[in-house]
C-alpha atoms as a PDB file:
ATOM      1  CA  MET A   1       0.211   0.107  -0.294  1.00  0.00           C
ATOM      2  CA  THR A   2       2.754   2.511   1.183  1.00  0.00           C
ATOM      3  CA  ASN A   3       4.526   1.805  -2.694  1.00  0.00           C
ATOM      4  CA  TYR A   4       1.339   2.381  -4.329  1.00  0.00           C
ATOM      5  CA  VAL A   5       1.026   5.827  -2.388  1.00  0.00           C
ATOM      6  CA  LEU A   6       4.506   6.641  -3.128  1.00  0.00           C
ATOM      7  CA  LEU A   7       4.039   5.727  -6.603  1.00  0.00           C
ATOM      8  CA  ILE A   8       0.787   8.165  -6.802  1.00  0.00           C
ATOM      9  CA  LEU A   9       2.618  10.843  -5.224  1.00  0.00           C
ATOM     10  CA  LEU A  10       5.517  10.679  -7.402  1.00  0.00           C
ATOM     11  CA  PHE A  11       3.113  10.575 -10.694  1.00  0.00           C
ATOM     12  CA  SER A  12       1.450  13.965  -9.157  1.00  0.00           C
ATOM     13  CA  PHE A  13       4.830  15.619  -9.264  1.00  0.00           C
ATOM     14  CA  VAL A  14       5.821  14.528 -12.613  1.00  0.00           C
ATOM     15  CA  SER A  15       2.413  15.270 -14.114  1.00  0.00           C
ATOM     16  CA  LYS A  16       2.483  18.414 -12.761  1.00  0.00           C
ATOM     17  CA  GLY A  17       5.996  19.217 -12.799  1.00  0.00           C
ATOM     18  CA  LEU A  18       8.203  20.016  -9.697  1.00  0.00           C
ATOM     19  CA  CYS A  19       8.604  23.604 -10.670  1.00  0.00           C
ATOM     20  CA  ASP A  20       5.596  25.306 -12.505  1.00  0.00           C
ATOM     21  CA  CYS A  21       7.043  28.895 -12.965  1.00  0.00           C
ATOM     22  CA  ASP A  22       4.608  31.820 -13.766  1.00  0.00           C
ATOM     23  CA  LYS A  23       4.758  35.173 -13.296  1.00  0.00           C
ATOM     24  CA  ASN A  24       5.057  35.022  -9.407  1.00  0.00           C
ATOM     25  CA  ASN A  25       8.570  33.469 -10.303  1.00  0.00           C
ATOM     26  CA  ILE A  26       9.580  36.922 -11.904  1.00  0.00           C
ATOM     27  CA  ILE A  27      10.925  39.530  -9.294  1.00  0.00           C
ATOM     28  CA  VAL A  28      11.230  43.285  -9.922  1.00  0.00           C
ATOM     29  CA  GLY A  29      13.394  44.975  -7.493  1.00  0.00           C
ATOM     30  CA  THR A  30      13.914  48.541  -7.180  1.00  0.00           C
ATOM     31  CA  VAL A  31      16.313  50.206  -5.115  1.00  0.00           C
ATOM     32  CA  ASN A  32      17.519  53.942  -5.072  1.00  0.00           C
ATOM     33  CA  SER A  33      21.167  54.050  -5.991  1.00  0.00           C
ATOM     34  CA  GLY A  34      21.771  56.972  -4.038  1.00  0.00           C
ATOM     35  CA  THR A  35      22.959  59.727  -7.006  1.00  0.00           C
ATOM     36  CA  THR A  36      20.976  62.043  -8.697  1.00  0.00           C
ATOM     37  CA  VAL A  37      21.338  63.457 -12.022  1.00  0.00           C
ATOM     38  CA  GLY A  38      20.047  66.827 -12.708  1.00  0.00           C
ATOM     39  CA  GLY A  39      18.146  66.961  -8.960  1.00  0.00           C
ATOM     40  CA  LYS A  40      16.465  63.508  -9.716  1.00  0.00           C
ATOM     41  CA  ASP A  41      17.013  60.146  -8.094  1.00  0.00           C
ATOM     42  CA  VAL A  42      18.807  57.532 -10.364  1.00  0.00           C
ATOM     43  CA  TRP A  43      16.865  54.196  -9.654  1.00  0.00           C
ATOM     44  CA  ASN A  44      18.577  50.502 -10.262  1.00  0.00           C
ATOM     45  CA  VAL A  45      16.126  47.885 -11.421  1.00  0.00           C
ATOM     46  CA  GLU A  46      17.129  44.154 -11.453  1.00  0.00           C
ATOM     47  CA  VAL A  47      14.660  41.470 -12.809  1.00  0.00           C
ATOM     48  CA  ILE A  48      15.023  38.534 -11.626  1.00  0.00           C
ATOM     49  CA  ASN A  49      13.874  34.677 -12.651  1.00  0.00           C
ATOM     50  CA  ASN A  50      13.369  32.975  -9.581  1.00  0.00           C
ATOM     51  CA  CYS A  51      12.766  29.595 -11.050  1.00  0.00           C
ATOM     52  CA  THR A  52      14.745  26.384 -12.188  1.00  0.00           C
ATOM     53  CA  ARG A  53      13.389  26.893 -15.848  1.00  0.00           C
ATOM     54  CA  PHE A  54      13.866  29.486 -18.875  1.00  0.00           C
ATOM     55  CA  GLN A  55      11.396  32.142 -18.582  1.00  0.00           C
ATOM     56  CA  ARG A  56      10.906  34.040 -22.100  1.00  0.00           C
ATOM     57  CA  SER A  57       8.634  36.640 -23.506  1.00  0.00           C
ATOM     58  CA  ILE A  58       8.491  38.304 -20.198  1.00  0.00           C
ATOM     59  CA  ILE A  59       6.388  41.499 -20.246  1.00  0.00           C
ATOM     60  CA  LEU A  60       6.006  43.626 -17.358  1.00  0.00           C
ATOM     61  CA  GLN A  61       3.346  46.461 -16.851  1.00  0.00           C
ATOM     62  CA  CYS A  62       4.949  49.502 -16.905  1.00  0.00           C
ATOM     63  CA  THR A  63       2.158  52.194 -16.964  1.00  0.00           C
ATOM     64  CA  GLY A  64       3.532  55.771 -16.385  1.00  0.00           C
ATOM     65  CA  PHE A  65       6.999  54.544 -16.704  1.00  0.00           C
ATOM     66  CA  GLN A  66       9.224  57.360 -18.027  1.00  0.00           C
ATOM     67  CA  THR A  67      12.910  57.594 -17.740  1.00  0.00           C
ATOM     68  CA  ALA A  68      15.074  60.624 -19.012  1.00  0.00           C
ATOM     69  CA  LEU A  69      18.020  57.965 -18.773  1.00  0.00           C
ATOM     70  CA  PRO A  70      18.171  56.156 -21.862  1.00  0.00           C
ATOM     71  CA  ILE A  71      17.917  51.934 -21.621  1.00  0.00           C
ATOM     72  CA  ASP A  72      19.305  49.554 -24.039  1.00  0.00           C
ATOM     73  CA  PRO A  73      16.012  48.564 -25.858  1.00  0.00           C
ATOM     74  CA  ARG A  74      17.579  44.720 -25.838  1.00  0.00           C
ATOM     75  CA  LEU A  75      16.832  45.251 -22.103  1.00  0.00           C
ATOM     76  CA  LEU A  76      13.678  46.887 -21.991  1.00  0.00           C
ATOM     77  CA  LYS A  77      11.514  48.134 -24.558  1.00  0.00           C
ATOM     78  CA  LYS A  78       8.310  50.352 -23.597  1.00  0.00           C
ATOM     79  CA  GLU A  79       5.326  49.417 -26.057  1.00  0.00           C
ATOM     80  CA  ASP A  80       2.279  51.554 -24.460  1.00  0.00           C
ATOM     81  CA  ASP A  81       1.668  49.995 -21.224  1.00  0.00           C
ATOM     82  CA  HIS A  82       3.452  47.390 -21.306  1.00  0.00           C
ATOM     83  CA  CYS A  83       7.563  46.406 -21.464  1.00  0.00           C
ATOM     84  CA  LEU A  84       9.449  43.662 -23.083  1.00  0.00           C
ATOM     85  CA  LEU A  85      12.282  42.437 -21.418  1.00  0.00           C
ATOM     86  CA  ASN A  86      15.217  40.963 -23.131  1.00  0.00           C
ATOM     87  CA  GLN A  87      13.432  41.240 -26.518  1.00  0.00           C
ATOM     88  CA  GLY A  88      11.502  38.310 -25.497  1.00  0.00           C
ATOM     89  CA  GLN A  89      14.818  36.294 -25.212  1.00  0.00           C
ATOM     90  CA  PRO A  90      14.792  33.701 -22.620  1.00  0.00           C
ATOM     91  CA  LEU A  91      15.933  34.726 -19.281  1.00  0.00           C
ATOM     92  CA  PRO A  92      18.010  31.860 -17.712  1.00  0.00           C
ATOM     93  CA  PRO A  93      17.042  30.341 -14.348  1.00  0.00           C
ATOM     94  CA  PHE A  94      18.257  32.417 -10.928  1.00  0.00           C
ATOM     95  CA  ASN A  95      19.804  35.198 -13.751  1.00  0.00           C
ATOM     96  CA  SER A  96      18.790  38.791 -13.822  1.00  0.00           C
ATOM     97  CA  ILE A  97      18.572  41.634 -16.193  1.00  0.00           C
ATOM     98  CA  LYS A  98      19.435  44.819 -14.529  1.00  0.00           C
ATOM     99  CA  PHE A  99      19.232  48.712 -15.576  1.00  0.00           C
ATOM    100  CA  ASN A 100      19.399  52.284 -14.006  1.00  0.00           C
ATOM    101  CA  TYR A 101      16.400  55.246 -14.790  1.00  0.00           C
ATOM    102  CA  TYR A 102      15.348  58.523 -13.320  1.00  0.00           C
ATOM    103  CA  ASP A 103      12.177  60.281 -13.913  1.00  0.00           C
ATOM    104  CA  ASN A 104      11.720  62.662 -16.852  1.00  0.00           C
END
């Protein structure tokens, strides 16, 4: 009976996956850099894939996001109220993309 229960438990992990990656595995951290440009605070942003699998086509909600500091569009490309990270390319497990910005 114990082997039967273990087999069912193992099958449920395999069929569902040991790590279901979703938007909750993408962590966005913003920290004040402590520097200013033209009297405006510069912010450091790090977007982390906190999952054991590659995440691709990461789109962030960025309504109202504006920056006077150009961000490499290969890292973050704003389109309307959404921002595409890393040109939609996969972000490896536990890796991050970093950029800086300051408000207009």
